[in-house]
Amino acid sequence: MQLPEDSAGIKWITVTSTPAIDGTPGIDKWGNRGFIETLIYMGREWNKEYPSSPLLINDISLRDGSTALRGTASHGPAGNEVDILTARTGNRSGRVTWEDPSYNREQTKKIIQLMRKNGFQRIYFNDQIIRDSLPYVKARAGHDDHIHGRRE
């Protein structure tokens, strides 16, 4: 199932440094039905508190479930993993690392807590302060500007 582009509280993001494989918007926004329904629900919940700051969804999977996404070796074929960009201050969107002055740690922590509340067992993100306060969050190379989550 493809994540709808117009879901409340969700915005598709294709990071310019890693464009979609063939340039088709949404080519990497596929997952299993239960997982996509969870993301839609999370977007609705997020939208209640942050209507002008949607969850920025980057990679999920290709339609065929393949792991051929650029630089996403951690995404398996089950269609149950996602990359969500970190939050920025001032309701701005776009990629930002946890070390950047415009990084919004409070909102990013709430994204992670929402993920956990909705069944994500594996969460990777490199902000040490968040990892100290949420021990289920683990560090992983390449996860300075987005949260990687897996829902079993």
Protein backbone atom coordinates (compact mmCIF):
# COMPACT_ATOMS: atom_id res chain seq x y z
CA MET A 1 0.00 0.00 0.00
CA GLN A 2 1.28 3.49 -0.79
CA LEU A 3 1.31 6.22 1.83
CA PRO A 4 -1.15 8.86 0.58
CA GLU A 5 0.55 12.13 -0.23
CA ASP A 6 -2.27 14.20 1.20
CA SER A 7 -2.72 12.57 4.62
CA ALA A 8 -3.29 14.97 7.50
CA GLY A 9 -0.07 15.66 9.37
CA ILE A 10 2.17 13.99 6.77
CA LYS A 11 4.29 15.42 3.98
CA TRP A 12 6.27 13.41 1.45
CA ILE A 13 9.92 14.38 1.31
CA THR A 14 12.46 13.28 -1.25
CA VAL A 15 15.79 14.61 -0.11
CA THR A 16 17.56 16.37 -2.96
CA SER A 17 20.91 14.76 -2.23
CA THR A 18 19.29 11.36 -2.78
CA PRO A 19 16.56 11.78 -5.42
CA ALA A 20 13.97 9.11 -6.06
CA ILE A 21 15.40 6.30 -8.11
CA ASP A 22 13.71 7.31 -11.36
CA GLY A 23 12.46 10.75 -10.32
CA THR A 24 8.91 9.52 -9.72
CA PRO A 25 7.37 11.16 -6.63
CA GLY A 26 6.28 8.58 -4.07
CA ILE A 27 8.25 5.72 -5.60
CA ASP A 28 9.73 5.06 -2.13
CA LYS A 29 6.52 5.50 -0.09
CA TRP A 30 5.26 1.89 -0.09
CA GLY A 31 4.79 -0.45 2.86
CA ASN A 32 2.58 -3.19 4.15
CA ARG A 33 -1.03 -2.17 4.83
CA GLY A 34 -0.84 -2.22 8.63
CA PHE A 35 2.34 -0.15 8.63
CA ILE A 36 0.95 2.50 6.25
CA GLU A 37 -2.27 2.67 8.27
CA THR A 38 -0.16 3.26 11.39
CA LEU A 39 1.71 6.12 9.69
CA ILE A 40 -1.61 7.67 8.60
CA TYR A 41 -2.91 7.43 12.17
CA MET A 42 0.32 8.95 13.52
CA GLY A 43 -0.01 11.83 11.06
CA ARG A 44 -3.55 12.55 12.24
CA GLU A 45 -2.45 12.50 15.88
CA TRP A 46 0.55 14.73 15.14
CA ASN A 47 -1.64 17.15 13.18
CA LYS A 48 -3.80 17.78 16.26
CA GLU A 49 -0.86 19.35 18.10
CA TYR A 50 1.30 20.56 15.19
CA PRO A 51 -1.00 21.39 12.23
CA SER A 52 1.59 23.59 10.51
CA SER A 53 4.52 21.21 11.06
CA PRO A 54 3.77 17.81 9.45
CA LEU A 55 5.79 14.64 9.87
CA LEU A 56 8.30 14.64 7.01
CA ILE A 57 8.34 11.12 5.59
CA ASN A 58 11.37 10.24 3.47
CA ASP A 59 12.07 6.58 2.69
CA ILE A 60 9.79 3.62 3.33
CA SER A 61 10.17 1.01 0.58
CA LEU A 62 9.64 0.44 -3.12
CA ARG A 63 6.35 -1.03 -4.31
CA ASP A 64 7.89 -4.47 -4.79
CA GLY A 65 9.33 -4.34 -1.27
CA SER A 66 12.87 -4.32 -2.53
CA THR A 67 15.71 -2.78 -0.58
CA ALA A 68 17.09 -0.98 -3.63
CA LEU A 69 16.57 2.44 -2.03
CA ARG A 70 19.64 4.59 -2.17
CA GLY A 71 21.62 4.39 1.05
CA THR A 72 18.91 2.56 2.96
CA ALA A 73 20.49 -0.81 3.62
CA SER A 74 18.67 -0.93 6.95
CA HIS A 75 15.24 -1.02 5.22
CA GLY A 76 14.12 -4.61 4.88
CA PRO A 77 11.66 -6.10 2.40
CA ALA A 78 8.77 -6.33 4.89
CA GLY A 79 7.62 -2.73 4.26
CA ASN A 80 7.66 -1.90 7.97
CA GLU A 81 10.46 0.68 8.22
CA VAL A 82 10.48 4.44 7.73
CA ASP A 83 12.78 7.46 7.81
CA ILE A 84 11.21 10.58 9.34
CA LEU A 85 13.14 13.83 9.21
CA THR A 86 13.94 15.63 12.44
CA ALA A 87 11.90 18.69 13.42
CA ARG A 88 13.08 22.26 12.88
CA THR A 89 12.25 25.39 14.80
CA GLY A 90 9.81 27.91 13.38
CA ASN A 91 7.59 25.35 11.58
CA ARG A 92 10.11 25.11 8.74
CA SER A 93 10.61 21.92 6.83
CA GLY A 94 13.70 20.37 5.37
CA ARG A 95 16.65 18.35 6.46
CA VAL A 96 18.46 19.42 9.65
CA THR A 97 20.94 17.56 11.88
CA TRP A 98 20.66 17.37 15.66
CA GLU A 99 23.71 19.65 15.87
CA ASP A 100 22.14 22.47 13.82
CA PRO A 101 20.86 25.60 15.68
CA SER A 102 17.47 25.26 13.92
CA TYR A 103 16.98 21.67 15.18
CA ASN A 104 13.92 21.30 17.42
CA ARG A 105 14.83 18.69 20.03
CA GLU A 106 11.49 18.90 21.86
CA GLN A 107 9.41 18.17 18.76
CA THR A 108 11.83 15.50 17.55
CA LYS A 109 11.53 13.76 20.92
CA LYS A 110 7.74 13.88 20.58
CA ILE A 111 7.99 12.28 17.13
CA ILE A 112 10.02 9.45 18.64
CA GLN A 113 7.58 9.03 21.53
CA LEU A 114 4.69 8.90 19.04
CA MET A 115 6.53 6.21 17.10
CA ARG A 116 7.09 4.16 20.24
CA LYS A 117 3.46 4.60 21.32
CA ASN A 118 2.44 3.18 17.95
CA GLY A 119 4.48 0.00 18.11
CA PHE A 120 7.90 0.92 16.78
CA GLN A 121 10.38 -1.41 18.48
CA ARG A 122 13.61 -0.30 16.79
CA ILE A 123 14.37 3.39 16.64
CA TYR A 124 17.71 4.84 15.53
CA PHE A 125 18.75 8.45 16.01
CA ASN A 126 22.07 9.96 17.04
CA ASP A 127 21.13 12.82 19.41
CA GLN A 128 22.81 11.76 22.68
CA ILE A 129 20.49 13.89 24.83
CA ILE A 130 17.43 12.16 23.39
CA ARG A 131 19.09 8.75 23.70
CA ASP A 132 19.88 9.48 27.37
CA SER A 133 16.23 10.31 28.07
CA LEU A 134 14.73 7.55 25.87
CA PRO A 135 16.91 4.45 26.33
CA TYR A 136 15.11 2.51 23.58
CA VAL A 137 16.61 4.92 20.99
CA LYS A 138 19.92 3.63 19.64
CA ALA A 139 22.73 5.34 17.72
CA ARG A 140 23.51 4.28 14.17
CA ALA A 141 25.82 5.75 11.57
CA GLY A 142 24.06 8.09 9.17
CA HIS A 143 21.17 8.96 11.48
CA ASP A 144 22.02 12.55 12.42
CA ASP A 145 19.24 14.20 10.39
CA HIS A 146 16.44 11.65 10.49
CA ILE A 147 14.84 9.05 12.72
CA HIS A 148 14.77 5.49 11.44
CA GLY A 149 12.01 3.31 12.83
CA ARG A 150 10.97 -0.31 12.45
CA ARG A 151 7.60 -1.65 13.51
CA GLU A 152 7.52 -5.44 13.84
